């Protein structure tokens, strides 16, 4: 974890330096699976831009395993540090970089499918720093000033989440609470298997850009 985080800090210093020296600065406003985002874009050299910004998302949804129903609450707050390369000096770009997710935990509340008064709570815990690769369209610092269109399609490699389910406050007998704990542990393994595919998070964002 320390090495990727150090890479993100170094990248941030690099882009901050580029911002100070840049004569032309652009901005983008985007929306997609990562939420609503705002990015600052600065030219680094010919056909290469640095892009960094903030994305926020509030979303609730439900999912099921064979034995339980879950309500999931997502509140990620992500910071992007990206490099956009324009191979043909046009609007098409290839993007790579790092994303730091400040709130990398999804809160879950589960209920067994079989009628019971017990519920269990837990989290899905992702890596805080994740690599991103993708392609896109639009150049916020192109020579023709003004408004433009921007889009991204890529993959965020956030790793398989660690699941953690518990049943707080068991008031039954010791043997019943032990059986319940064993059942929750088994369900935690089932949930882990179900969410393993989240390690590859598809990103599709569209928005507008403006060059100052």
N, C-alpha and C. Protein backbone atom coordinates (compact mmCIF):
# COMPACT_ATOMS: atom_id res chain seq x y z
N UNK A 1 0.82 -1.21 0.00
CA UNK A 1 0.00 0.00 0.00
C UNK A 1 0.85 1.25 0.00
N UNK A 2 1.98 1.23 0.73
CA UNK A 2 2.80 2.42 0.84
C UNK A 2 3.42 2.81 -0.49
N UNK A 3 3.83 1.81 -1.30
CA UNK A 3 4.48 2.10 -2.57
C UNK A 3 3.53 2.79 -3.55
N UNK A 4 2.29 2.27 -3.79
CA UNK A 4 1.37 2.98 -4.67
C UNK A 4 1.02 4.37 -4.17
N UNK A 5 0.88 4.51 -2.85
CA UNK A 5 0.54 5.81 -2.30
C UNK A 5 1.68 6.80 -2.54
N UNK A 6 2.93 6.34 -2.40
CA UNK A 6 4.08 7.18 -2.67
C UNK A 6 4.10 7.59 -4.14
N UNK A 7 3.75 6.65 -5.03
CA UNK A 7 3.70 6.96 -6.46
C UNK A 7 2.67 8.05 -6.74
N UNK A 8 1.53 7.97 -6.05
CA UNK A 8 0.48 8.98 -6.23
C UNK A 8 0.95 10.35 -5.76
N UNK A 9 1.67 10.39 -4.63
CA UNK A 9 2.20 11.65 -4.12
C UNK A 9 3.20 12.25 -5.10
N UNK A 10 4.11 11.40 -5.63
CA UNK A 10 5.09 11.88 -6.59
C UNK A 10 4.41 12.41 -7.84
N UNK A 11 3.39 11.70 -8.30
CA UNK A 11 2.66 12.13 -9.48
C UNK A 11 1.97 13.47 -9.21
N UNK A 12 1.42 13.65 -8.00
CA UNK A 12 0.77 14.90 -7.66
C UNK A 12 1.73 16.07 -7.67
N UNK A 13 2.96 15.84 -7.17
CA UNK A 13 3.98 16.89 -7.19
C UNK A 13 4.33 17.26 -8.63
N UNK A 14 4.44 16.24 -9.48
CA UNK A 14 4.77 16.46 -10.88
C UNK A 14 3.69 17.29 -11.58
N UNK A 15 2.42 16.92 -11.37
CA UNK A 15 1.34 17.65 -12.03
C UNK A 15 1.19 19.06 -11.46
N UNK A 16 1.43 19.21 -10.16
CA UNK A 16 1.35 20.55 -9.57
C UNK A 16 2.41 21.46 -10.19
N UNK A 17 3.60 20.93 -10.42
CA UNK A 17 4.66 21.70 -11.06
C UNK A 17 4.27 22.09 -12.47
N UNK A 18 3.65 21.14 -13.17
CA UNK A 18 3.21 21.42 -14.54
C UNK A 18 2.14 22.51 -14.55
N UNK A 19 1.28 22.51 -13.54
CA UNK A 19 0.22 23.50 -13.47
C UNK A 19 0.79 24.91 -13.34
N UNK A 20 1.82 25.06 -12.51
CA UNK A 20 2.42 26.37 -12.30
C UNK A 20 3.00 26.92 -13.60
N UNK A 21 3.61 26.04 -14.41
CA UNK A 21 4.28 26.46 -15.62
C UNK A 21 3.35 26.57 -16.82
N UNK A 22 2.15 25.96 -16.72
CA UNK A 22 1.27 25.93 -17.88
C UNK A 22 0.65 27.29 -18.15
N UNK A 23 0.60 27.64 -19.45
CA UNK A 23 -0.04 28.88 -19.85
C UNK A 23 -1.53 28.67 -20.10
N UNK A 24 -1.89 27.49 -20.54
CA UNK A 24 -3.28 27.19 -20.85
C UNK A 24 -3.79 26.09 -19.94
N UNK A 25 -4.88 26.34 -19.27
CA UNK A 25 -5.48 25.38 -18.35
C UNK A 25 -6.91 25.11 -18.77
N UNK A 26 -7.31 23.83 -18.71
CA UNK A 26 -8.67 23.45 -19.02
C UNK A 26 -9.33 22.78 -17.84
N UNK A 27 -10.64 22.64 -17.91
CA UNK A 27 -11.39 21.97 -16.85
C UNK A 27 -12.46 21.10 -17.49
N UNK A 28 -12.80 20.00 -16.83
CA UNK A 28 -13.87 19.14 -17.29
C UNK A 28 -14.83 18.84 -16.16
N UNK A 29 -16.09 18.66 -16.51
CA UNK A 29 -17.12 18.19 -15.58
C UNK A 29 -17.71 16.92 -16.18
N UNK A 30 -17.67 15.81 -15.43
CA UNK A 30 -18.06 14.51 -15.98
C UNK A 30 -19.04 13.81 -15.06
N UNK A 31 -19.72 12.81 -15.62
CA UNK A 31 -20.63 11.97 -14.84
C UNK A 31 -20.51 10.54 -15.35
N UNK A 32 -20.60 9.57 -14.44
CA UNK A 32 -20.47 8.17 -14.81
C UNK A 32 -20.53 7.28 -13.58
N UNK A 33 -20.05 6.02 -13.67
CA UNK A 33 -20.10 5.09 -12.54
C UNK A 33 -19.32 5.56 -11.32
N UNK A 34 -18.32 6.42 -11.53
CA UNK A 34 -17.56 6.95 -10.40
C UNK A 34 -18.23 8.17 -9.78
N UNK A 35 -19.42 8.54 -10.29
CA UNK A 35 -20.15 9.66 -9.76
C UNK A 35 -19.98 10.92 -10.58
N UNK A 36 -20.13 12.05 -9.93
CA UNK A 36 -19.93 13.35 -10.57
C UNK A 36 -18.51 13.79 -10.29
N UNK A 37 -17.81 14.24 -11.33
CA UNK A 37 -16.42 14.60 -11.16
C UNK A 37 -16.05 15.91 -11.80
N UNK A 38 -15.01 16.54 -11.27
CA UNK A 38 -14.44 17.76 -11.81
C UNK A 38 -12.93 17.56 -11.92
N UNK A 39 -12.36 17.88 -13.09
CA UNK A 39 -10.93 17.70 -13.31
C UNK A 39 -10.29 18.97 -13.84
N UNK A 40 -9.07 19.19 -13.46
CA UNK A 40 -8.23 20.24 -14.03
C UNK A 40 -7.26 19.58 -15.01
N UNK A 41 -7.11 20.17 -16.19
CA UNK A 41 -6.25 19.62 -17.23
C UNK A 41 -5.17 20.64 -17.58
N UNK A 42 -3.91 20.18 -17.61
CA UNK A 42 -2.79 21.06 -17.96
C UNK A 42 -1.90 20.35 -18.97
N UNK A 43 -1.35 21.08 -19.95
CA UNK A 43 -0.42 20.46 -20.90
C UNK A 43 0.94 20.23 -20.25
N UNK A 44 1.51 19.06 -20.47
CA UNK A 44 2.83 18.73 -19.96
C UNK A 44 3.87 18.92 -21.06
N UNK A 45 3.57 18.39 -22.24
CA UNK A 45 4.39 18.56 -23.42
C UNK A 45 3.49 18.26 -24.62
N UNK A 46 4.03 18.35 -25.83
CA UNK A 46 3.23 18.08 -27.02
C UNK A 46 2.60 16.69 -26.93
N UNK A 47 1.29 16.63 -27.14
CA UNK A 47 0.52 15.39 -27.16
C UNK A 47 0.40 14.70 -25.80
N UNK A 48 0.74 15.41 -24.72
CA UNK A 48 0.63 14.82 -23.39
C UNK A 48 0.07 15.84 -22.40
N UNK A 49 -1.05 15.47 -21.75
CA UNK A 49 -1.67 16.31 -20.74
C UNK A 49 -1.69 15.59 -19.40
N UNK A 50 -1.68 16.36 -18.33
CA UNK A 50 -1.93 15.83 -16.98
C UNK A 50 -3.34 16.23 -16.57
N UNK A 51 -4.02 15.30 -15.96
CA UNK A 51 -5.41 15.55 -15.55
C UNK A 51 -5.59 15.04 -14.12
N UNK A 52 -6.09 15.90 -13.24
CA UNK A 52 -6.32 15.47 -11.87
C UNK A 52 -7.57 16.13 -11.33
N UNK A 53 -8.29 15.38 -10.48
CA UNK A 53 -9.55 15.91 -10.00
C UNK A 53 -10.19 15.05 -8.93
N UNK A 54 -11.49 15.29 -8.73
CA UNK A 54 -12.24 14.70 -7.62
C UNK A 54 -13.57 14.16 -8.15
N UNK A 55 -13.94 12.96 -7.67
CA UNK A 55 -15.22 12.34 -8.03
C UNK A 55 -15.97 11.94 -6.76
N UNK A 56 -17.28 12.10 -6.76
CA UNK A 56 -18.10 11.73 -5.60
C UNK A 56 -19.34 10.99 -6.06
N UNK A 57 -19.74 9.99 -5.26
CA UNK A 57 -20.90 9.17 -5.61
C UNK A 57 -21.64 8.78 -4.35
N UNK A 58 -22.97 8.90 -4.37
CA UNK A 58 -23.85 8.39 -3.33
C UNK A 58 -24.85 7.46 -4.00
N UNK A 59 -24.81 6.17 -3.64
CA UNK A 59 -25.66 5.21 -4.33
C UNK A 59 -26.02 4.06 -3.40
N UNK A 60 -27.27 3.62 -3.46
CA UNK A 60 -27.74 2.46 -2.71
C UNK A 60 -28.29 1.42 -3.68
N UNK A 61 -27.99 0.16 -3.43
CA UNK A 61 -28.58 -0.88 -4.26
C UNK A 61 -28.68 -2.17 -3.45
N UNK A 62 -29.37 -3.16 -4.02
CA UNK A 62 -29.58 -4.44 -3.35
C UNK A 62 -28.99 -5.57 -4.18
N UNK A 63 -28.54 -6.63 -3.49
CA UNK A 63 -28.01 -7.82 -4.15
C UNK A 63 -28.31 -9.03 -3.28
N UNK A 64 -28.16 -10.22 -3.85
CA UNK A 64 -28.50 -11.44 -3.13
C UNK A 64 -27.44 -12.51 -3.33
N UNK A 65 -27.24 -13.33 -2.29
CA UNK A 65 -26.57 -14.61 -2.42
C UNK A 65 -27.65 -15.68 -2.30
N UNK A 66 -27.24 -16.96 -2.30
CA UNK A 66 -28.24 -18.03 -2.22
C UNK A 66 -28.99 -18.02 -0.89
N UNK A 67 -28.35 -17.47 0.15
CA UNK A 67 -28.95 -17.58 1.48
C UNK A 67 -29.28 -16.24 2.14
N UNK A 68 -28.98 -15.12 1.46
CA UNK A 68 -29.23 -13.83 2.12
C UNK A 68 -29.49 -12.72 1.11
N UNK A 69 -30.18 -11.69 1.59
CA UNK A 69 -30.45 -10.48 0.81
C UNK A 69 -29.66 -9.34 1.44
N UNK A 70 -29.04 -8.49 0.59
CA UNK A 70 -28.19 -7.41 1.09
C UNK A 70 -28.64 -6.05 0.54
N UNK A 71 -28.58 -5.07 1.42
CA UNK A 71 -28.70 -3.67 1.03
C UNK A 71 -27.32 -3.04 1.16
N UNK A 72 -26.83 -2.47 0.06
CA UNK A 72 -25.47 -1.95 0.01
C UNK A 72 -25.50 -0.43 -0.13
N UNK A 73 -24.68 0.25 0.65
CA UNK A 73 -24.58 1.71 0.61
C UNK A 73 -23.18 2.09 0.14
N UNK A 74 -23.11 2.85 -0.96
CA UNK A 74 -21.83 3.27 -1.53
C UNK A 74 -21.67 4.77 -1.35
N UNK A 75 -20.54 5.18 -0.79
CA UNK A 75 -20.23 6.60 -0.62
C UNK A 75 -18.77 6.90 -0.98
N UNK A 76 -18.29 6.43 -2.15
CA UNK A 76 -16.87 6.67 -2.48
C UNK A 76 -16.57 8.13 -2.78
N UNK A 77 -15.37 8.55 -2.43
CA UNK A 77 -14.84 9.87 -2.74
C UNK A 77 -13.45 9.66 -3.34
N UNK A 78 -13.30 9.81 -4.64
CA UNK A 78 -12.08 9.41 -5.32
C UNK A 78 -11.34 10.62 -5.90
N UNK A 79 -10.01 10.54 -5.84
CA UNK A 79 -9.13 11.56 -6.42
C UNK A 79 -8.34 10.92 -7.56
N UNK A 80 -8.37 11.55 -8.75
CA UNK A 80 -7.69 11.03 -9.93
C UNK A 80 -6.39 11.77 -10.18
N UNK A 81 -5.35 11.03 -10.58
CA UNK A 81 -4.10 11.61 -11.07
C UNK A 81 -3.77 10.86 -12.36
N UNK A 82 -4.03 11.49 -13.51
CA UNK A 82 -3.99 10.79 -14.79
C UNK A 82 -3.10 11.51 -15.80
N UNK A 83 -2.57 10.73 -16.74
CA UNK A 83 -1.85 11.26 -17.89
C UNK A 83 -2.60 10.87 -19.16
N UNK A 84 -2.87 11.85 -20.02
CA UNK A 84 -3.54 11.62 -21.30
C UNK A 84 -2.54 11.79 -22.44
N UNK A 85 -2.38 10.74 -23.23
CA UNK A 85 -1.48 10.80 -24.39
C UNK A 85 -2.31 10.79 -25.67
N UNK A 86 -2.03 11.73 -26.56
CA UNK A 86 -2.74 11.87 -27.83
C UNK A 86 -1.82 11.39 -28.95
N UNK A 87 -1.96 10.13 -29.38
CA UNK A 87 -1.01 9.56 -30.36
C UNK A 87 -1.02 10.23 -31.72
N UNK A 88 -2.16 10.78 -32.12
CA UNK A 88 -2.25 11.40 -33.44
C UNK A 88 -2.40 12.91 -33.38
N UNK A 89 -2.17 13.47 -32.20
CA UNK A 89 -2.30 14.91 -31.98
C UNK A 89 -3.71 15.40 -32.26
N UNK A 90 -4.70 14.49 -32.16
CA UNK A 90 -6.09 14.86 -32.35
C UNK A 90 -6.84 14.86 -31.03
N UNK A 91 -8.08 14.37 -31.06
CA UNK A 91 -8.90 14.34 -29.85
C UNK A 91 -8.87 12.98 -29.15
N UNK A 92 -8.46 11.93 -29.88
CA UNK A 92 -8.39 10.59 -29.28
C UNK A 92 -7.20 10.50 -28.32
N UNK A 93 -7.41 9.89 -27.16
CA UNK A 93 -6.36 9.81 -26.16
C UNK A 93 -6.28 8.42 -25.53
N UNK A 94 -5.10 8.10 -25.04
CA UNK A 94 -4.87 6.90 -24.23
C UNK A 94 -4.49 7.39 -22.83
N UNK A 95 -5.13 6.83 -21.82
CA UNK A 95 -4.99 7.35 -20.46
C UNK A 95 -4.47 6.28 -19.50
N UNK A 96 -3.61 6.71 -18.59
CA UNK A 96 -3.15 5.86 -17.51
C UNK A 96 -2.90 6.70 -16.27
N UNK A 97 -3.01 6.07 -15.11
CA UNK A 97 -2.76 6.82 -13.89
C UNK A 97 -3.21 6.08 -12.66
N UNK A 98 -3.40 6.82 -11.59
CA UNK A 98 -3.78 6.24 -10.30
C UNK A 98 -5.01 6.96 -9.75
N UNK A 99 -5.82 6.21 -9.03
CA UNK A 99 -7.01 6.76 -8.37
C UNK A 99 -6.92 6.44 -6.88
N UNK A 100 -7.07 7.46 -6.06
CA UNK A 100 -7.08 7.30 -4.61
C UNK A 100 -8.51 7.43 -4.11
N UNK A 101 -9.02 6.36 -3.51
CA UNK A 101 -10.39 6.34 -3.02
C UNK A 101 -10.38 6.57 -1.51
N UNK A 102 -10.77 7.76 -1.10
CA UNK A 102 -10.75 8.10 0.33
C UNK A 102 -11.69 7.21 1.13
N UNK A 103 -12.92 7.03 0.65
CA UNK A 103 -13.88 6.16 1.32
C UNK A 103 -13.94 4.85 0.54
N UNK A 104 -13.09 3.92 0.90
CA UNK A 104 -12.97 2.69 0.12
C UNK A 104 -13.80 1.55 0.69
N UNK A 105 -14.73 1.85 1.59
CA UNK A 105 -15.57 0.82 2.18
C UNK A 105 -17.03 1.01 1.79
N UNK A 106 -17.68 -0.09 1.41
CA UNK A 106 -19.11 -0.09 1.15
C UNK A 106 -19.80 -0.74 2.35
N UNK A 107 -20.78 -0.08 2.92
CA UNK A 107 -21.50 -0.63 4.06
C UNK A 107 -22.61 -1.56 3.57
N UNK A 108 -22.75 -2.74 4.22
CA UNK A 108 -23.78 -3.70 3.83
C UNK A 108 -24.59 -4.12 5.05
N UNK A 109 -25.87 -4.34 4.83
CA UNK A 109 -26.78 -4.89 5.84
C UNK A 109 -27.46 -6.10 5.20
N UNK A 110 -27.36 -7.27 5.85
CA UNK A 110 -27.89 -8.49 5.26
C UNK A 110 -28.96 -9.14 6.12
N UNK A 111 -29.90 -9.82 5.44
CA UNK A 111 -30.93 -10.61 6.12
C UNK A 111 -30.97 -11.99 5.49
N UNK A 112 -30.97 -13.05 6.32
CA UNK A 112 -31.09 -14.39 5.76
C UNK A 112 -32.40 -14.55 5.01
N UNK A 113 -32.37 -15.37 3.94
CA UNK A 113 -33.58 -15.64 3.17
C UNK A 113 -34.60 -16.37 4.03
N UNK A 114 -34.12 -17.31 4.84
CA UNK A 114 -35.01 -18.04 5.76
C UNK A 114 -35.48 -17.07 6.84
N UNK A 115 -36.76 -17.13 7.17
CA UNK A 115 -37.33 -16.21 8.16
C UNK A 115 -36.57 -16.28 9.48
N UNK A 116 -36.08 -15.14 9.92
CA UNK A 116 -35.34 -15.06 11.19
C UNK A 116 -35.33 -13.61 11.65
N UNK A 117 -35.15 -13.43 12.95
CA UNK A 117 -35.11 -12.07 13.47
C UNK A 117 -33.71 -11.48 13.41
N UNK A 118 -32.72 -12.30 13.04
CA UNK A 118 -31.34 -11.84 13.04
C UNK A 118 -30.98 -11.17 11.72
N UNK A 119 -30.14 -10.17 11.82
CA UNK A 119 -29.52 -9.54 10.65
C UNK A 119 -28.02 -9.48 10.90
N UNK A 120 -27.28 -9.22 9.85
CA UNK A 120 -25.84 -9.03 10.02
C UNK A 120 -25.40 -7.83 9.21
N UNK A 121 -24.34 -7.21 9.69
CA UNK A 121 -23.82 -6.00 9.07
C UNK A 121 -22.36 -6.21 8.74
N UNK A 122 -21.84 -5.39 7.84
CA UNK A 122 -20.44 -5.52 7.48
C UNK A 122 -20.02 -4.50 6.45
N UNK A 123 -18.84 -4.74 5.87
CA UNK A 123 -18.28 -3.83 4.88
C UNK A 123 -17.63 -4.62 3.75
N UNK A 124 -17.52 -3.95 2.60
CA UNK A 124 -16.67 -4.41 1.51
C UNK A 124 -15.51 -3.43 1.45
N UNK A 125 -14.31 -3.92 1.69
CA UNK A 125 -13.14 -3.05 1.85
C UNK A 125 -12.22 -3.20 0.65
N UNK A 126 -12.09 -2.12 -0.15
CA UNK A 126 -11.26 -2.13 -1.35
C UNK A 126 -9.90 -1.48 -1.08
N UNK A 127 -8.96 -1.71 -2.00
CA UNK A 127 -7.68 -1.00 -1.94
C UNK A 127 -7.91 0.49 -2.07
N UNK A 128 -7.16 1.27 -1.32
CA UNK A 128 -7.33 2.72 -1.39
C UNK A 128 -6.75 3.31 -2.68
N UNK A 129 -5.66 2.73 -3.18
CA UNK A 129 -5.02 3.23 -4.40
C UNK A 129 -5.17 2.18 -5.49
N UNK A 130 -5.68 2.60 -6.66
CA UNK A 130 -5.94 1.66 -7.74
C UNK A 130 -5.43 2.22 -9.06
N UNK A 131 -4.74 1.41 -9.87
CA UNK A 131 -4.32 1.85 -11.21
C UNK A 131 -5.54 1.96 -12.14
N UNK A 132 -5.43 2.87 -13.10
CA UNK A 132 -6.48 3.04 -14.11
C UNK A 132 -5.85 3.09 -15.49
N UNK A 133 -6.46 2.39 -16.46
CA UNK A 133 -6.05 2.49 -17.86
C UNK A 133 -7.32 2.60 -18.70
N UNK A 134 -7.22 3.34 -19.80
CA UNK A 134 -8.39 3.48 -20.65
C UNK A 134 -8.09 4.31 -21.88
N UNK A 135 -9.12 4.58 -22.62
CA UNK A 135 -9.06 5.46 -23.79
C UNK A 135 -10.11 6.54 -23.61
N UNK A 136 -10.04 7.56 -24.45
CA UNK A 136 -11.01 8.64 -24.32
C UNK A 136 -11.02 9.55 -25.52
N UNK A 137 -11.81 10.60 -25.40
CA UNK A 137 -11.99 11.55 -26.48
C UNK A 137 -12.11 12.95 -25.88
N UNK A 138 -11.45 13.89 -26.53
CA UNK A 138 -11.54 15.28 -26.10
C UNK A 138 -10.24 15.79 -25.53
N UNK A 139 -9.96 17.05 -25.80
CA UNK A 139 -8.75 17.70 -25.31
C UNK A 139 -9.13 19.06 -24.76
N UNK A 140 -9.15 19.16 -23.44
CA UNK A 140 -9.62 20.39 -22.79
C UNK A 140 -8.68 21.56 -22.99
N UNK A 141 -7.44 21.31 -23.43
CA UNK A 141 -6.49 22.40 -23.64
C UNK A 141 -6.09 22.51 -25.11
N UNK A 142 -6.99 22.10 -26.00
CA UNK A 142 -6.74 22.23 -27.44
C UNK A 142 -6.65 23.71 -27.81
N UNK A 143 -6.06 23.98 -28.96
CA UNK A 143 -5.80 25.37 -29.36
C UNK A 143 -7.07 26.20 -29.49
N UNK A 144 -8.13 25.59 -30.00
CA UNK A 144 -9.38 26.34 -30.14
C UNK A 144 -10.05 26.45 -28.79
N UNK A 145 -10.04 27.64 -28.22
CA UNK A 145 -10.56 27.84 -26.87
C UNK A 145 -12.07 27.65 -26.82
N UNK A 146 -12.56 27.42 -25.62
CA UNK A 146 -14.00 27.35 -25.41
C UNK A 146 -14.46 25.98 -24.94
N UNK A 147 -15.74 25.70 -25.21
CA UNK A 147 -16.37 24.49 -24.73
C UNK A 147 -16.06 23.31 -25.64
N UNK A 148 -16.09 22.10 -25.06
CA UNK A 148 -15.87 20.89 -25.82
C UNK A 148 -16.52 19.70 -25.16
N UNK A 149 -16.39 18.55 -25.79
CA UNK A 149 -16.94 17.29 -25.29
C UNK A 149 -15.81 16.40 -24.79
N UNK A 150 -16.07 15.65 -23.73
CA UNK A 150 -15.06 14.72 -23.20
C UNK A 150 -15.72 13.40 -22.83
N UNK A 151 -14.97 12.31 -23.01
CA UNK A 151 -15.48 10.98 -22.67
C UNK A 151 -14.32 10.07 -22.29
N UNK A 152 -14.58 9.13 -21.40
CA UNK A 152 -13.59 8.15 -20.97
C UNK A 152 -14.22 6.76 -20.94
N UNK A 153 -13.45 5.76 -21.36
CA UNK A 153 -13.85 4.36 -21.24
C UNK A 153 -12.62 3.60 -20.79
N UNK A 154 -12.70 2.94 -19.64
CA UNK A 154 -11.52 2.25 -19.13
C UNK A 154 -11.85 1.31 -18.00
N UNK A 155 -10.81 0.87 -17.31
CA UNK A 155 -10.96 -0.09 -16.22
C UNK A 155 -10.14 0.38 -15.03
N UNK A 156 -10.75 0.32 -13.87
CA UNK A 156 -10.09 0.61 -12.60
C UNK A 156 -9.75 -0.71 -11.92
N UNK A 157 -8.46 -0.95 -11.68
CA UNK A 157 -8.01 -2.20 -11.08
C UNK A 157 -7.95 -2.03 -9.56
N UNK A 158 -9.12 -2.15 -8.91
CA UNK A 158 -9.20 -1.85 -7.49
C UNK A 158 -9.00 -3.07 -6.59
N UNK A 159 -8.81 -4.25 -7.17
CA UNK A 159 -8.57 -5.45 -6.37
C UNK A 159 -9.86 -6.04 -5.81
N UNK A 160 -9.81 -7.32 -5.48
CA UNK A 160 -10.98 -7.97 -4.87
C UNK A 160 -11.21 -7.40 -3.48
N UNK A 161 -12.46 -7.04 -3.15
CA UNK A 161 -12.71 -6.48 -1.82
C UNK A 161 -12.64 -7.54 -0.74
N UNK A 162 -12.25 -7.13 0.44
CA UNK A 162 -12.32 -7.98 1.63
C UNK A 162 -13.68 -7.78 2.29
N UNK A 163 -14.39 -8.85 2.52
CA UNK A 163 -15.71 -8.76 3.16
C UNK A 163 -15.60 -9.03 4.65
N UNK A 164 -16.44 -8.37 5.40
CA UNK A 164 -16.44 -8.54 6.86
C UNK A 164 -17.88 -8.47 7.36
N UNK A 165 -18.43 -9.62 7.73
CA UNK A 165 -19.79 -9.67 8.24
C UNK A 165 -19.77 -10.06 9.72
N UNK A 166 -20.62 -9.43 10.51
CA UNK A 166 -20.78 -9.77 11.92
C UNK A 166 -22.25 -9.71 12.29
N UNK A 167 -22.60 -10.36 13.39
CA UNK A 167 -23.95 -10.28 13.94
C UNK A 167 -23.84 -9.73 15.35
N UNK A 168 -23.90 -8.41 15.48
CA UNK A 168 -23.71 -7.80 16.81
C UNK A 168 -24.90 -8.05 17.73
N UNK A 169 -24.60 -8.22 18.97
CA UNK A 169 -25.64 -8.26 19.98
C UNK A 169 -26.46 -9.53 20.05
N UNK A 170 -25.83 -10.70 19.87
CA UNK A 170 -26.56 -11.96 20.00
C UNK A 170 -26.98 -12.16 21.46
N UNK A 171 -28.29 -12.35 21.70
CA UNK A 171 -28.81 -12.50 23.08
C UNK A 171 -29.29 -13.91 23.36
N UNK A 172 -29.06 -14.83 22.43
CA UNK A 172 -29.49 -16.22 22.63
C UNK A 172 -28.48 -16.95 23.52
N UNK A 173 -28.67 -18.26 23.66
CA UNK A 173 -27.75 -19.06 24.47
C UNK A 173 -26.38 -19.10 23.79
N UNK A 174 -25.38 -19.52 24.56
CA UNK A 174 -24.01 -19.56 24.02
C UNK A 174 -23.92 -20.48 22.83
N UNK A 175 -24.59 -21.64 22.90
CA UNK A 175 -24.53 -22.58 21.78
C UNK A 175 -25.23 -22.02 20.55
N UNK A 176 -26.34 -21.33 20.75
CA UNK A 176 -27.07 -20.73 19.63
C UNK A 176 -26.25 -19.60 19.00
N UNK A 177 -25.59 -18.81 19.83
CA UNK A 177 -24.76 -17.73 19.30
C UNK A 177 -23.56 -18.28 18.54
N UNK A 178 -23.03 -19.42 19.00
CA UNK A 178 -21.92 -20.06 18.28
C UNK A 178 -22.37 -20.54 16.92
N UNK A 179 -23.55 -21.17 16.87
CA UNK A 179 -24.08 -21.63 15.57
C UNK A 179 -24.34 -20.45 14.65
N UNK A 180 -24.85 -19.35 15.24
CA UNK A 180 -25.10 -18.16 14.43
C UNK A 180 -23.80 -17.59 13.89
N UNK A 181 -22.76 -17.55 14.72
CA UNK A 181 -21.46 -17.03 14.29
C UNK A 181 -20.89 -17.89 13.17
N UNK A 182 -21.07 -19.22 13.27
CA UNK A 182 -20.60 -20.10 12.20
C UNK A 182 -21.36 -19.86 10.91
N UNK A 183 -22.66 -19.62 11.05
CA UNK A 183 -23.47 -19.34 9.87
C UNK A 183 -23.08 -18.03 9.21
N UNK A 184 -22.80 -17.00 10.02
CA UNK A 184 -22.37 -15.71 9.48
C UNK A 184 -21.02 -15.85 8.79
N UNK A 185 -20.12 -16.67 9.36
CA UNK A 185 -18.81 -16.89 8.74
C UNK A 185 -18.97 -17.57 7.38
N UNK A 186 -19.87 -18.53 7.30
CA UNK A 186 -20.14 -19.20 6.01
C UNK A 186 -20.73 -18.22 5.01
N UNK A 187 -21.63 -17.37 5.46
CA UNK A 187 -22.23 -16.39 4.56
C UNK A 187 -21.20 -15.35 4.12
N UNK A 188 -20.26 -15.01 5.00
CA UNK A 188 -19.21 -14.08 4.63
C UNK A 188 -18.36 -14.65 3.48
N UNK A 189 -18.10 -15.97 3.54
CA UNK A 189 -17.35 -16.62 2.45
C UNK A 189 -18.16 -16.60 1.15
N UNK A 190 -19.48 -16.79 1.24
CA UNK A 190 -20.32 -16.76 0.05
C UNK A 190 -20.36 -15.35 -0.55
N UNK A 191 -20.44 -14.35 0.32
CA UNK A 191 -20.44 -12.97 -0.16
C UNK A 191 -19.10 -12.62 -0.80
N UNK A 192 -18.00 -13.08 -0.20
CA UNK A 192 -16.67 -12.83 -0.77
C UNK A 192 -16.58 -13.40 -2.19
N UNK A 193 -17.10 -14.60 -2.38
CA UNK A 193 -17.07 -15.22 -3.70
C UNK A 193 -17.90 -14.42 -4.69
N UNK A 194 -19.00 -13.86 -4.25
CA UNK A 194 -19.89 -13.12 -5.15
C UNK A 194 -19.29 -11.80 -5.60
N UNK A 195 -18.54 -11.15 -4.72
CA UNK A 195 -18.05 -9.79 -5.04
C UNK A 195 -16.63 -9.79 -5.61
N UNK A 196 -16.03 -10.97 -5.80
CA UNK A 196 -14.66 -11.00 -6.31
C UNK A 196 -14.53 -10.34 -7.68
N UNK A 197 -15.60 -10.38 -8.49
CA UNK A 197 -15.52 -9.77 -9.83
C UNK A 197 -15.45 -8.25 -9.77
N UNK A 198 -15.67 -7.66 -8.61
CA UNK A 198 -15.58 -6.20 -8.48
C UNK A 198 -14.14 -5.70 -8.57
N UNK A 199 -13.16 -6.61 -8.61
CA UNK A 199 -11.77 -6.16 -8.66
C UNK A 199 -11.47 -5.40 -9.95
N UNK A 200 -12.26 -5.63 -11.00
CA UNK A 200 -12.15 -4.86 -12.23
C UNK A 200 -13.40 -3.99 -12.34
N UNK A 201 -13.24 -2.69 -12.15
CA UNK A 201 -14.39 -1.78 -12.13
C UNK A 201 -14.43 -1.00 -13.45
N UNK A 202 -15.43 -1.25 -14.30
CA UNK A 202 -15.50 -0.54 -15.58
C UNK A 202 -15.88 0.92 -15.38
N UNK A 203 -15.25 1.78 -16.14
CA UNK A 203 -15.49 3.22 -16.04
C UNK A 203 -15.92 3.75 -17.40
N UNK A 204 -17.06 4.40 -17.44
CA UNK A 204 -17.54 5.07 -18.66
C UNK A 204 -18.08 6.43 -18.24
N UNK A 205 -17.36 7.48 -18.62
CA UNK A 205 -17.73 8.83 -18.20
C UNK A 205 -17.90 9.74 -19.42
N UNK A 206 -18.85 10.63 -19.34
CA UNK A 206 -19.04 11.64 -20.38
C UNK A 206 -19.20 13.00 -19.71
N UNK A 207 -18.90 14.05 -20.45
CA UNK A 207 -19.04 15.37 -19.87
C UNK A 207 -18.66 16.47 -20.82
N UNK A 208 -18.42 17.64 -20.26
CA UNK A 208 -18.05 18.80 -21.05
C UNK A 208 -16.71 19.34 -20.55
N UNK A 209 -16.02 20.03 -21.44
CA UNK A 209 -14.74 20.63 -21.06
C UNK A 209 -14.74 22.11 -21.43
N UNK A 210 -13.83 22.85 -20.80
CA UNK A 210 -13.70 24.26 -21.10
C UNK A 210 -12.24 24.67 -20.96
N UNK A 211 -11.74 25.38 -21.95
CA UNK A 211 -10.38 25.89 -21.88
C UNK A 211 -10.39 27.37 -21.51
N UNK A 212 -9.64 27.72 -20.51
CA UNK A 212 -9.62 29.10 -20.04
C UNK A 212 -8.70 29.96 -20.91
